[in-house]
């Protein structure tokens, strides 16, 4: 289901349930297991981001942030891994790599 929730936040992503994709609501995450990715191309999807990060380890969750009104990509997102070691490896191996024609930057998520 896609649409706007009571608080104005977009719900639904089109991702199949349990597919590790962008959920419709905020979710709890494991501190230290999540990385922030910036400088994403406008066309990069959560699935493309997940696929790019999958080579360092299993991805539990990926999302590309979108403007609530326009649904246009904000050029950044998050990826959550199953453990801190994999998240650190993602920072070391995927920072300054290319995705969809743009150099991306990967750092520890601060939220």
PDB file of N, CA and C in Angstrom:
ATOM      1  N   UNK A   1       0.836  -1.167   0.000  1.00  0.00           N
ATOM      2  CA  UNK A   1       0.000   0.000   0.000  1.00  0.00           C
ATOM      3  C   UNK A   1       0.885   1.235   0.000  1.00  0.00           C
ATOM      4  N   UNK A   2       0.572   2.200  -0.840  1.00  0.00           N
ATOM      5  CA  UNK A   2       1.310   3.441  -0.868  1.00  0.00           C
ATOM      6  C   UNK A   2       0.360   4.585  -0.637  1.00  0.00           C
ATOM      7  N   UNK A   3       0.857   5.651  -0.059  1.00  0.00           N
ATOM      8  CA  UNK A   3       0.047   6.823   0.194  1.00  0.00           C
ATOM      9  C   UNK A   3       0.664   7.636   1.305  1.00  0.00           C
ATOM     10  N   UNK A   4      -0.148   8.509   1.894  1.00  0.00           N
ATOM     11  CA  UNK A   4       0.332   9.369   2.955  1.00  0.00           C
ATOM     12  C   UNK A   4      -0.335   8.987   4.256  1.00  0.00           C
ATOM     13  N   UNK A   5       0.455   8.807   5.307  1.00  0.00           N
ATOM     14  CA  UNK A   5      -0.075   8.468   6.617  1.00  0.00           C
ATOM     15  C   UNK A   5      -0.643   9.693   7.309  1.00  0.00           C
ATOM     16  N   UNK A   6      -1.208   9.492   8.478  1.00  0.00           N
ATOM     17  CA  UNK A   6      -1.836  10.566   9.242  1.00  0.00           C
ATOM     18  C   UNK A   6      -0.865  11.694   9.568  1.00  0.00           C
ATOM     19  N   UNK A   7       0.428  11.374   9.713  1.00  0.00           N
ATOM     20  CA  UNK A   7       1.414  12.402  10.033  1.00  0.00           C
ATOM     21  C   UNK A   7       2.025  13.039   8.793  1.00  0.00           C
ATOM     22  N   UNK A   8       1.508  12.690   7.601  1.00  0.00           N
ATOM     23  CA  UNK A   8       2.010  13.256   6.361  1.00  0.00           C
ATOM     24  C   UNK A   8       3.194  12.518   5.785  1.00  0.00           C
ATOM     25  N   UNK A   9       3.672  11.485   6.476  1.00  0.00           N
ATOM     26  CA  UNK A   9       4.807  10.716   5.994  1.00  0.00           C
ATOM     27  C   UNK A   9       4.330   9.711   4.960  1.00  0.00           C
ATOM     28  N   UNK A  10       5.138   9.535   3.909  1.00  0.00           N
ATOM     29  CA  UNK A  10       4.794   8.563   2.874  1.00  0.00           C
ATOM     30  C   UNK A  10       4.857   7.161   3.454  1.00  0.00           C
ATOM     31  N   UNK A  11       3.869   6.345   3.108  1.00  0.00           N
ATOM     32  CA  UNK A  11       3.869   4.949   3.519  1.00  0.00           C
ATOM     33  C   UNK A  11       3.839   4.088   2.279  1.00  0.00           C
ATOM     34  N   UNK A  12       4.480   2.929   2.363  1.00  0.00           N
ATOM     35  CA  UNK A  12       4.523   2.007   1.234  1.00  0.00           C
ATOM     36  C   UNK A  12       5.685   2.334   0.321  1.00  0.00           C
ATOM     37  N   UNK A  13       6.295   1.303  -0.238  1.00  0.00           N
ATOM     38  CA  UNK A  13       7.444   1.526  -1.102  1.00  0.00           C
ATOM     39  C   UNK A  13       7.358   0.743  -2.388  1.00  0.00           C
ATOM     40  N   UNK A  14       6.409  -0.165  -2.469  1.00  0.00           N
ATOM     41  CA  UNK A  14       6.381  -1.040  -3.619  1.00  0.00           C
ATOM     42  C   UNK A  14       7.313  -2.223  -3.452  1.00  0.00           C
ATOM     43  N   UNK A  15       8.054  -2.266  -2.359  1.00  0.00           N
ATOM     44  CA  UNK A  15       8.977  -3.367  -2.114  1.00  0.00           C
ATOM     45  C   UNK A  15       8.204  -4.547  -1.555  1.00  0.00           C
ATOM     46  N   UNK A  16       8.491  -5.745  -2.035  1.00  0.00           N
ATOM     47  CA  UNK A  16       7.833  -6.919  -1.481  1.00  0.00           C
ATOM     48  C   UNK A  16       8.153  -7.063  -0.003  1.00  0.00           C
ATOM     49  N   UNK A  17       7.200  -7.521   0.812  1.00  0.00           N
ATOM     50  CA  UNK A  17       7.466  -7.702   2.240  1.00  0.00           C
ATOM     51  C   UNK A  17       8.643  -8.640   2.469  1.00  0.00           C
ATOM     52  N   UNK A  18       9.480  -8.296   3.423  1.00  0.00           N
ATOM     53  CA  UNK A  18      10.614  -9.147   3.770  1.00  0.00           C
ATOM     54  C   UNK A  18      11.736  -9.125   2.763  1.00  0.00           C
ATOM     55  N   UNK A  19      11.697  -8.172   1.814  1.00  0.00           N
ATOM     56  CA  UNK A  19      12.709  -8.123   0.770  1.00  0.00           C
ATOM     57  C   UNK A  19      13.885  -7.227   1.138  1.00  0.00           C
ATOM     58  N   UNK A  20      13.895  -6.674   2.361  1.00  0.00           N
ATOM     59  CA  UNK A  20      15.005  -5.826   2.767  1.00  0.00           C
ATOM     60  C   UNK A  20      14.964  -4.464   2.129  1.00  0.00           C
ATOM     61  N   UNK A  21      13.830  -4.093   1.593  1.00  0.00           N
ATOM     62  CA  UNK A  21      13.697  -2.808   0.924  1.00  0.00           C
ATOM     63  C   UNK A  21      13.177  -1.738   1.842  1.00  0.00           C
ATOM     64  N   UNK A  22      12.924  -0.604   1.258  1.00  0.00           N
ATOM     65  CA  UNK A  22      12.456   0.551   2.006  1.00  0.00           C
ATOM     66  C   UNK A  22      11.070   0.290   2.563  1.00  0.00           C
ATOM     67  N   UNK A  23      10.912   0.310   3.879  1.00  0.00           N
ATOM     68  CA  UNK A  23       9.596   0.087   4.455  1.00  0.00           C
ATOM     69  C   UNK A  23       8.778   1.361   4.408  1.00  0.00           C
ATOM     70  N   UNK A  24       7.493   1.229   4.667  1.00  0.00           N
ATOM     71  CA  UNK A  24       6.616   2.379   4.647  1.00  0.00           C
ATOM     72  C   UNK A  24       6.710   3.232   5.891  1.00  0.00           C
ATOM     73  N   UNK A  25       7.291   2.739   6.935  1.00  0.00           N
ATOM     74  CA  UNK A  25       7.369   3.481   8.195  1.00  0.00           C
ATOM     75  C   UNK A  25       8.784   3.446   8.731  1.00  0.00           C
ATOM     76  N   UNK A  26       9.036   4.358   9.636  1.00  0.00           N
ATOM     77  CA  UNK A  26      10.341   4.328  10.294  1.00  0.00           C
ATOM     78  C   UNK A  26      10.483   3.018  11.038  1.00  0.00           C
ATOM     79  N   UNK A  27      11.698   2.531  11.116  1.00  0.00           N
ATOM     80  CA  UNK A  27      11.920   1.258  11.780  1.00  0.00           C
ATOM     81  C   UNK A  27      13.073   1.386  12.757  1.00  0.00           C
ATOM     82  N   UNK A  28      13.074   0.497  13.719  1.00  0.00           N
ATOM     83  CA  UNK A  28      14.187   0.443  14.659  1.00  0.00           C
ATOM     84  C   UNK A  28      15.400  -0.089  13.906  1.00  0.00           C
ATOM     85  N   UNK A  29      16.578   0.380  14.272  1.00  0.00           N
ATOM     86  CA  UNK A  29      17.780  -0.130  13.630  1.00  0.00           C
ATOM     87  C   UNK A  29      18.842  -0.430  14.673  1.00  0.00           C
ATOM     88  N   UNK A  30      19.810  -1.209  14.248  1.00  0.00           N
ATOM     89  CA  UNK A  30      20.902  -1.604  15.128  1.00  0.00           C
ATOM     90  C   UNK A  30      22.001  -0.549  15.073  1.00  0.00           C
ATOM     91  N   UNK A  31      22.302   0.108  16.184  1.00  0.00           N
ATOM     92  CA  UNK A  31      23.370   1.107  16.187  1.00  0.00           C
ATOM     93  C   UNK A  31      24.682   0.489  15.709  1.00  0.00           C
ATOM     94  N   UNK A  32      25.387   1.206  14.872  1.00  0.00           N
ATOM     95  CA  UNK A  32      26.667   0.729  14.367  1.00  0.00           C
ATOM     96  C   UNK A  32      26.574  -0.154  13.144  1.00  0.00           C
ATOM     97  N   UNK A  33      25.387  -0.640  12.828  1.00  0.00           N
ATOM     98  CA  UNK A  33      25.214  -1.525  11.673  1.00  0.00           C
ATOM     99  C   UNK A  33      24.735  -0.764  10.436  1.00  0.00           C
ATOM    100  N   UNK A  34      24.528   0.527  10.600  1.00  0.00           N
ATOM    101  CA  UNK A  34      23.905   1.324   9.545  1.00  0.00           C
ATOM    102  C   UNK A  34      24.888   2.354   9.002  1.00  0.00           C
ATOM    103  N   UNK A  35      24.913   2.512   7.671  1.00  0.00           N
ATOM    104  CA  UNK A  35      25.760   3.514   7.037  1.00  0.00           C
ATOM    105  C   UNK A  35      24.889   4.517   6.284  1.00  0.00           C
ATOM    106  N   UNK A  36      25.400   5.737   6.181  1.00  0.00           N
ATOM    107  CA  UNK A  36      24.748   6.820   5.452  1.00  0.00           C
ATOM    108  C   UNK A  36      25.469   6.954   4.118  1.00  0.00           C
ATOM    109  N   UNK A  37      24.722   7.058   3.043  1.00  0.00           N
ATOM    110  CA  UNK A  37      25.299   7.144   1.702  1.00  0.00           C
ATOM    111  C   UNK A  37      24.833   8.450   1.072  1.00  0.00           C
ATOM    112  N   UNK A  38      25.771   9.261   0.601  1.00  0.00           N
ATOM    113  CA  UNK A  38      25.415  10.544  -0.006  1.00  0.00           C
ATOM    114  C   UNK A  38      25.924  10.627  -1.440  1.00  0.00           C
ATOM    115  N   UNK A  39      25.475  11.668  -2.128  1.00  0.00           N
ATOM    116  CA  UNK A  39      25.816  11.949  -3.523  1.00  0.00           C
ATOM    117  C   UNK A  39      25.234  10.912  -4.480  1.00  0.00           C
ATOM    118  N   UNK A  40      24.067  10.374  -4.130  1.00  0.00           N
ATOM    119  CA  UNK A  40      23.404   9.409  -5.011  1.00  0.00           C
ATOM    120  C   UNK A  40      22.821  10.111  -6.232  1.00  0.00           C
ATOM    121  N   UNK A  41      22.831   9.410  -7.351  1.00  0.00           N
ATOM    122  CA  UNK A  41      22.176   9.919  -8.562  1.00  0.00           C
ATOM    123  C   UNK A  41      20.676   9.982  -8.318  1.00  0.00           C
ATOM    124  N   UNK A  42      19.997  10.906  -8.987  1.00  0.00           N
ATOM    125  CA  UNK A  42      18.542  11.035  -8.813  1.00  0.00           C
ATOM    126  C   UNK A  42      17.832   9.735  -9.144  1.00  0.00           C
ATOM    127  N   UNK A  43      18.379   8.964 -10.080  1.00  0.00           N
ATOM    128  CA  UNK A  43      17.702   7.736 -10.525  1.00  0.00           C
ATOM    129  C   UNK A  43      17.990   6.512  -9.649  1.00  0.00           C
ATOM    130  N   UNK A  44      18.915   6.632  -8.699  1.00  0.00           N
ATOM    131  CA  UNK A  44      19.251   5.492  -7.846  1.00  0.00           C
ATOM    132  C   UNK A  44      18.056   5.118  -6.969  1.00  0.00           C
ATOM    133  N   UNK A  45      17.719   3.837  -6.962  1.00  0.00           N
ATOM    134  CA  UNK A  45      16.610   3.322  -6.159  1.00  0.00           C
ATOM    135  C   UNK A  45      17.163   2.595  -4.937  1.00  0.00           C
ATOM    136  N   UNK A  46      16.273   2.284  -3.990  1.00  0.00           N
ATOM    137  CA  UNK A  46      16.709   1.518  -2.816  1.00  0.00           C
ATOM    138  C   UNK A  46      17.259   0.171  -3.251  1.00  0.00           C
ATOM    139  N   UNK A  47      16.670  -0.420  -4.279  1.00  0.00           N
ATOM    140  CA  UNK A  47      17.122  -1.731  -4.752  1.00  0.00           C
ATOM    141  C   UNK A  47      18.517  -1.630  -5.365  1.00  0.00           C
ATOM    142  N   UNK A  48      18.745  -0.592  -6.162  1.00  0.00           N
ATOM    143  CA  UNK A  48      20.066  -0.386  -6.753  1.00  0.00           C
ATOM    144  C   UNK A  48      21.132  -0.152  -5.698  1.00  0.00           C
ATOM    145  N   UNK A  49      20.773   0.612  -4.662  1.00  0.00           N
ATOM    146  CA  UNK A  49      21.696   0.860  -3.556  1.00  0.00           C
ATOM    147  C   UNK A  49      21.991  -0.437  -2.811  1.00  0.00           C
ATOM    148  N   UNK A  50      20.959  -1.208  -2.551  1.00  0.00           N
ATOM    149  CA  UNK A  50      21.123  -2.498  -1.872  1.00  0.00           C
ATOM    150  C   UNK A  50      22.023  -3.421  -2.694  1.00  0.00           C
ATOM    151  N   UNK A  51      21.776  -3.507  -3.988  1.00  0.00           N
ATOM    152  CA  UNK A  51      22.584  -4.367  -4.855  1.00  0.00           C
ATOM    153  C   UNK A  51      24.051  -3.933  -4.856  1.00  0.00           C
ATOM    154  N   UNK A  52      24.296  -2.624  -4.859  1.00  0.00           N
ATOM    155  CA  UNK A  52      25.668  -2.106  -4.861  1.00  0.00           C
ATOM    156  C   UNK A  52      26.406  -2.489  -3.573  1.00  0.00           C
ATOM    157  N   UNK A  53      25.698  -2.486  -2.469  1.00  0.00           N
ATOM    158  CA  UNK A  53      26.313  -2.760  -1.167  1.00  0.00           C
ATOM    159  C   UNK A  53      26.410  -4.241  -0.834  1.00  0.00           C
ATOM    160  N   UNK A  54      25.668  -5.044  -1.513  1.00  0.00           N
ATOM    161  CA  UNK A  54      25.579  -6.477  -1.217  1.00  0.00           C
ATOM    162  C   UNK A  54      26.928  -7.200  -1.304  1.00  0.00           C
ATOM    163  N   UNK A  55      27.874  -6.683  -2.078  1.00  0.00           N
ATOM    164  CA  UNK A  55      29.160  -7.377  -2.232  1.00  0.00           C
ATOM    165  C   UNK A  55      29.991  -7.388  -0.949  1.00  0.00           C
ATOM    166  N   UNK A  56      29.696  -6.506   0.012  1.00  0.00           N
ATOM    167  CA  UNK A  56      30.453  -6.515   1.271  1.00  0.00           C
ATOM    168  C   UNK A  56      29.809  -7.390   2.329  1.00  0.00           C
ATOM    169  N   UNK A  57      28.543  -7.745   2.141  1.00  0.00           N
ATOM    170  CA  UNK A  57      27.842  -8.586   3.106  1.00  0.00           C
ATOM    171  C   UNK A  57      26.344  -8.454   2.955  1.00  0.00           C
ATOM    172  N   UNK A  58      25.624  -9.242   3.732  1.00  0.00           N
ATOM    173  CA  UNK A  58      24.170  -9.253   3.622  1.00  0.00           C
ATOM    174  C   UNK A  58      23.566  -7.931   4.092  1.00  0.00           C
ATOM    175  N   UNK A  59      22.696  -7.382   3.253  1.00  0.00           N
ATOM    176  CA  UNK A  59      22.023  -6.123   3.556  1.00  0.00           C
ATOM    177  C   UNK A  59      20.675  -6.429   4.195  1.00  0.00           C
ATOM    178  N   UNK A  60      20.442  -5.881   5.385  1.00  0.00           N
ATOM    179  CA  UNK A  60      19.168  -6.075   6.076  1.00  0.00           C
ATOM    180  C   UNK A  60      18.122  -5.077   5.598  1.00  0.00           C
ATOM    181  N   UNK A  61      18.567  -3.895   5.153  1.00  0.00           N
ATOM    182  CA  UNK A  61      17.643  -2.815   4.826  1.00  0.00           C
ATOM    183  C   UNK A  61      18.375  -1.763   4.007  1.00  0.00           C
ATOM    184  N   UNK A  62      17.689  -1.179   3.049  1.00  0.00           N
ATOM    185  CA  UNK A  62      18.239  -0.058   2.283  1.00  0.00           C
ATOM    186  C   UNK A  62      17.108   0.897   1.944  1.00  0.00           C
ATOM    187  N   UNK A  63      17.420   2.186   1.934  1.00  0.00           N
ATOM    188  CA  UNK A  63      16.416   3.182   1.568  1.00  0.00           C
ATOM    189  C   UNK A  63      17.104   4.387   0.953  1.00  0.00           C
ATOM    190  N   UNK A  64      16.443   4.984  -0.021  1.00  0.00           N
ATOM    191  CA  UNK A  64      16.862   6.250  -0.604  1.00  0.00           C
ATOM    192  C   UNK A  64      15.845   7.281  -0.137  1.00  0.00           C
ATOM    193  N   UNK A  65      16.318   8.350   0.482  1.00  0.00           N
ATOM    194  CA  UNK A  65      15.404   9.366   1.005  1.00  0.00           C
ATOM    195  C   UNK A  65      14.775  10.152  -0.139  1.00  0.00           C
ATOM    196  N   UNK A  66      13.482  10.428   0.000  1.00  0.00           N
ATOM    197  CA  UNK A  66      12.733  11.162  -1.019  1.00  0.00           C
ATOM    198  C   UNK A  66      12.004  12.336  -0.392  1.00  0.00           C
ATOM    199  N   UNK A  67      11.821  13.381  -1.176  1.00  0.00           N
ATOM    200  CA  UNK A  67      11.035  14.528  -0.746  1.00  0.00           C
ATOM    201  C   UNK A  67       9.591  14.088  -0.562  1.00  0.00           C
ATOM    202  N   UNK A  68       8.985  14.446   0.543  1.00  0.00           N
ATOM    203  CA  UNK A  68       7.616  14.008   0.837  1.00  0.00           C
ATOM    204  C   UNK A  68       6.602  14.520  -0.175  1.00  0.00           C
ATOM    205  N   UNK A  69       6.795  15.727  -0.664  1.00  0.00           N
ATOM    206  CA  UNK A  69       5.817  16.308  -1.589  1.00  0.00           C
ATOM    207  C   UNK A  69       6.034  15.865  -3.028  1.00  0.00           C
ATOM    208  N   UNK A  70       7.271  15.916  -3.499  1.00  0.00           N
ATOM    209  CA  UNK A  70       7.544  15.631  -4.912  1.00  0.00           C
ATOM    210  C   UNK A  70       7.939  14.183  -5.180  1.00  0.00           C
ATOM    211  N   UNK A  71       8.331  13.466  -4.142  1.00  0.00           N
ATOM    212  CA  UNK A  71       8.846  12.095  -4.247  1.00  0.00           C
ATOM    213  C   UNK A  71      10.166  12.021  -5.008  1.00  0.00           C
ATOM    214  N   UNK A  72      10.796  13.157  -5.270  1.00  0.00           N
ATOM    215  CA  UNK A  72      12.095  13.176  -5.923  1.00  0.00           C
ATOM    216  C   UNK A  72      13.165  12.768  -4.909  1.00  0.00           C
ATOM    217  N   UNK A  73      14.154  12.033  -5.380  1.00  0.00           N
ATOM    218  CA  UNK A  73      15.255  11.614  -4.518  1.00  0.00           C
ATOM    219  C   UNK A  73      15.934  12.828  -3.897  1.00  0.00           C
ATOM    220  N   UNK A  74      16.344  12.673  -2.653  1.00  0.00           N
ATOM    221  CA  UNK A  74      17.105  13.724  -1.980  1.00  0.00           C
ATOM    222  C   UNK A  74      18.606  13.495  -2.155  1.00  0.00           C
ATOM    223  N   UNK A  75      18.990  12.454  -2.903  1.00  0.00           N
ATOM    224  CA  UNK A  75      20.394  12.210  -3.204  1.00  0.00           C
ATOM    225  C   UNK A  75      21.174  11.535  -2.096  1.00  0.00           C
ATOM    226  N   UNK A  76      20.461  10.965  -1.122  1.00  0.00           N
ATOM    227  CA  UNK A  76      21.145  10.276  -0.034  1.00  0.00           C
ATOM    228  C   UNK A  76      20.247   9.163   0.501  1.00  0.00           C
ATOM    229  N   UNK A  77      20.841   8.282   1.269  1.00  0.00           N
ATOM    230  CA  UNK A  77      20.073   7.175   1.820  1.00  0.00           C
ATOM    231  C   UNK A  77      20.851   6.454   2.899  1.00  0.00           C
ATOM    232  N   UNK A  78      20.298   5.335   3.345  1.00  0.00           N
ATOM    233  CA  UNK A  78      20.934   4.526   4.378  1.00  0.00           C
ATOM    234  C   UNK A  78      20.904   3.057   3.974  1.00  0.00           C
ATOM    235  N   UNK A  79      21.890   2.340   4.485  1.00  0.00           N
ATOM    236  CA  UNK A  79      21.953   0.890   4.305  1.00  0.00           C
ATOM    237  C   UNK A  79      22.275   0.298   5.667  1.00  0.00           C
ATOM    238  N   UNK A  80      21.506  -0.715   6.050  1.00  0.00           N
ATOM    239  CA  UNK A  80      21.757  -1.393   7.322  1.00  0.00           C
ATOM    240  C   UNK A  80      22.216  -2.818   7.046  1.00  0.00           C
ATOM    241  N   UNK A  81      23.297  -3.194   7.721  1.00  0.00           N
ATOM    242  CA  UNK A  81      23.851  -4.533   7.599  1.00  0.00           C
ATOM    243  C   UNK A  81      23.507  -5.334   8.849  1.00  0.00           C
ATOM    244  N   UNK A  82      23.789  -6.614   8.827  1.00  0.00           N
ATOM    245  CA  UNK A  82      23.460  -7.475   9.955  1.00  0.00           C
ATOM    246  C   UNK A  82      24.386  -7.291  11.145  1.00  0.00           C
ATOM    247  N   UNK A  83      25.601  -6.765  10.902  1.00  0.00           N
ATOM    248  CA  UNK A  83      26.535  -6.573  12.008  1.00  0.00           C
ATOM    249  C   UNK A  83      27.428  -5.365  11.752  1.00  0.00           C
ATOM    250  N   UNK A  84      28.064  -4.894  12.816  1.00  0.00           N
ATOM    251  CA  UNK A  84      28.922  -3.712  12.737  1.00  0.00           C
ATOM    252  C   UNK A  84      30.139  -3.931  11.845  1.00  0.00           C
ATOM    253  N   UNK A  85      30.696  -5.127  11.884  1.00  0.00           N
ATOM    254  CA  UNK A  85      31.885  -5.426  11.078  1.00  0.00           C
ATOM    255  C   UNK A  85      31.604  -5.217   9.591  1.00  0.00           C
ATOM    256  N   UNK A  86      30.452  -5.667   9.138  1.00  0.00           N
ATOM    257  CA  UNK A  86      30.095  -5.511   7.730  1.00  0.00           C
ATOM    258  C   UNK A  86      29.871  -4.038   7.398  1.00  0.00           C
ATOM    259  N   UNK A  87      29.265  -3.294   8.301  1.00  0.00           N
ATOM    260  CA  UNK A  87      29.059  -1.857   8.077  1.00  0.00           C
ATOM    261  C   UNK A  87      30.404  -1.142   7.946  1.00  0.00           C
ATOM    262  N   UNK A  88      31.357  -1.490   8.790  1.00  0.00           N
ATOM    263  CA  UNK A  88      32.689  -0.884   8.712  1.00  0.00           C
ATOM    264  C   UNK A  88      33.384  -1.256   7.407  1.00  0.00           C
ATOM    265  N   UNK A  89      33.191  -2.498   6.973  1.00  0.00           N
ATOM    266  CA  UNK A  89      33.768  -2.935   5.702  1.00  0.00           C
ATOM    267  C   UNK A  89      33.145  -2.154   4.544  1.00  0.00           C
ATOM    268  N   UNK A  90      31.852  -1.893   4.625  1.00  0.00           N
ATOM    269  CA  UNK A  90      31.171  -1.117   3.578  1.00  0.00           C
ATOM    270  C   UNK A  90      31.761   0.287   3.481  1.00  0.00           C
ATOM    271  N   UNK A  91      32.043   0.896   4.628  1.00  0.00           N
ATOM    272  CA  UNK A  91      32.646   2.233   4.623  1.00  0.00           C
ATOM    273  C   UNK A  91      34.022   2.177   3.963  1.00  0.00           C
ATOM    274  N   UNK A  92      34.811   1.175   4.330  1.00  0.00           N
ATOM    275  CA  UNK A  92      36.169   1.047   3.790  1.00  0.00           C
ATOM    276  C   UNK A  92      36.179   0.716   2.296  1.00  0.00           C
ATOM    277  N   UNK A  93      35.268  -0.148   1.867  1.00  0.00           N
ATOM    278  CA  UNK A  93      35.307  -0.640   0.488  1.00  0.00           C
ATOM    279  C   UNK A  93      34.413   0.117  -0.486  1.00  0.00           C
ATOM    280  N   UNK A  94      33.347   0.727  -0.001  1.00  0.00           N
ATOM    281  CA  UNK A  94      32.383   1.354  -0.912  1.00  0.00           C
ATOM    282  C   UNK A  94      32.437   2.876  -0.942  1.00  0.00           C
ATOM    283  N   UNK A  95      33.131   3.491   0.028  1.00  0.00           N
ATOM    284  CA  UNK A  95      33.274   4.942  -0.008  1.00  0.00           C
ATOM    285  C   UNK A  95      34.040   5.345  -1.263  1.00  0.00           C
ATOM    286  N   UNK A  96      33.549   6.357  -1.943  1.00  0.00           N
ATOM    287  CA  UNK A  96      34.151   6.892  -3.166  1.00  0.00           C
ATOM    288  C   UNK A  96      34.121   5.905  -4.328  1.00  0.00           C
ATOM    289  N   UNK A  97      33.148   4.995  -4.327  1.00  0.00           N
ATOM    290  CA  UNK A  97      32.939   4.131  -5.491  1.00  0.00           C
ATOM    291  C   UNK A  97      31.860   4.762  -6.361  1.00  0.00           C
ATOM    292  N   UNK A  98      31.666   4.204  -7.545  1.00  0.00           N
ATOM    293  CA  UNK A  98      30.684   4.750  -8.478  1.00  0.00           C
ATOM    294  C   UNK A  98      29.407   3.924  -8.480  1.00  0.00           C
ATOM    295  N   UNK A  99      28.282   4.618  -8.455  1.00  0.00           N
ATOM    296  CA  UNK A  99      26.966   3.998  -8.550  1.00  0.00           C
ATOM    297  C   UNK A  99      26.111   4.869  -9.452  1.00  0.00           C
ATOM    298  N   UNK A 100      25.565   4.297 -10.493  1.00  0.00           N
ATOM    299  CA  UNK A 100      24.719   5.022 -11.447  1.00  0.00           C
ATOM    300  C   UNK A 100      25.399   6.283 -11.973  1.00  0.00           C
ATOM    301  N   UNK A 101      26.707   6.167 -12.242  1.00  0.00           N
ATOM    302  CA  UNK A 101      27.441   7.266 -12.860  1.00  0.00           C
ATOM    303  C   UNK A 101      27.910   8.361 -11.917  1.00  0.00           C
ATOM    304  N   UNK A 102      27.760   8.164 -10.616  1.00  0.00           N
ATOM    305  CA  UNK A 102      28.203   9.177  -9.646  1.00  0.00           C
ATOM    306  C   UNK A 102      29.079   8.548  -8.574  1.00  0.00           C
ATOM    307  N   UNK A 103      30.062   9.311  -8.114  1.00  0.00           N
ATOM    308  CA  UNK A 103      30.887   8.862  -6.996  1.00  0.00           C
ATOM    309  C   UNK A 103      30.068   9.046  -5.718  1.00  0.00           C
ATOM    310  N   UNK A 104      29.927   7.973  -4.952  1.00  0.00           N
ATOM    311  CA  UNK A 104      29.152   8.044  -3.710  1.00  0.00           C
ATOM    312  C   UNK A 104      30.086   8.107  -2.506  1.00  0.00           C
ATOM    313  N   UNK A 105      29.536   8.598  -1.411  1.00  0.00           N
ATOM    314  CA  UNK A 105      30.289   8.708  -0.169  1.00  0.00           C
ATOM    315  C   UNK A 105      29.552   7.929   0.910  1.00  0.00           C
ATOM    316  N   UNK A 106      30.285   7.075   1.610  1.00  0.00           N
ATOM    317  CA  UNK A 106      29.698   6.187   2.614  1.00  0.00           C
ATOM    318  C   UNK A 106      30.373   6.462   3.953  1.00  0.00           C
ATOM    319  N   UNK A 107      29.558   6.711   4.969  1.00  0.00           N
ATOM    320  CA  UNK A 107      30.078   6.951   6.320  1.00  0.00           C
ATOM    321  C   UNK A 107      29.132   6.323   7.334  1.00  0.00           C
ATOM    322  N   UNK A 108      29.570   6.260   8.576  1.00  0.00           N
ATOM    323  CA  UNK A 108      28.716   5.738   9.638  1.00  0.00           C
ATOM    324  C   UNK A 108      27.492   6.636   9.774  1.00  0.00           C
ATOM    325  N   UNK A 109      26.329   6.025   9.932  1.00  0.00           N
ATOM    326  CA  UNK A 109      25.102   6.791  10.142  1.00  0.00           C
ATOM    327  C   UNK A 109      25.112   7.350  11.556  1.00  0.00           C
ATOM    328  N   UNK A 110      24.765   8.592  11.705  1.00  0.00           N
ATOM    329  CA  UNK A 110      24.825   9.255  13.014  1.00  0.00           C
ATOM    330  C   UNK A 110      23.488   9.281  13.732  1.00  0.00           C
ATOM    331  N   UNK A 111      22.470   8.692  13.169  1.00  0.00           N
ATOM    332  CA  UNK A 111      21.140   8.734  13.802  1.00  0.00           C
ATOM    333  C   UNK A 111      20.810   7.449  14.494  1.00  0.00           C
TER     334      UNK A 111
END
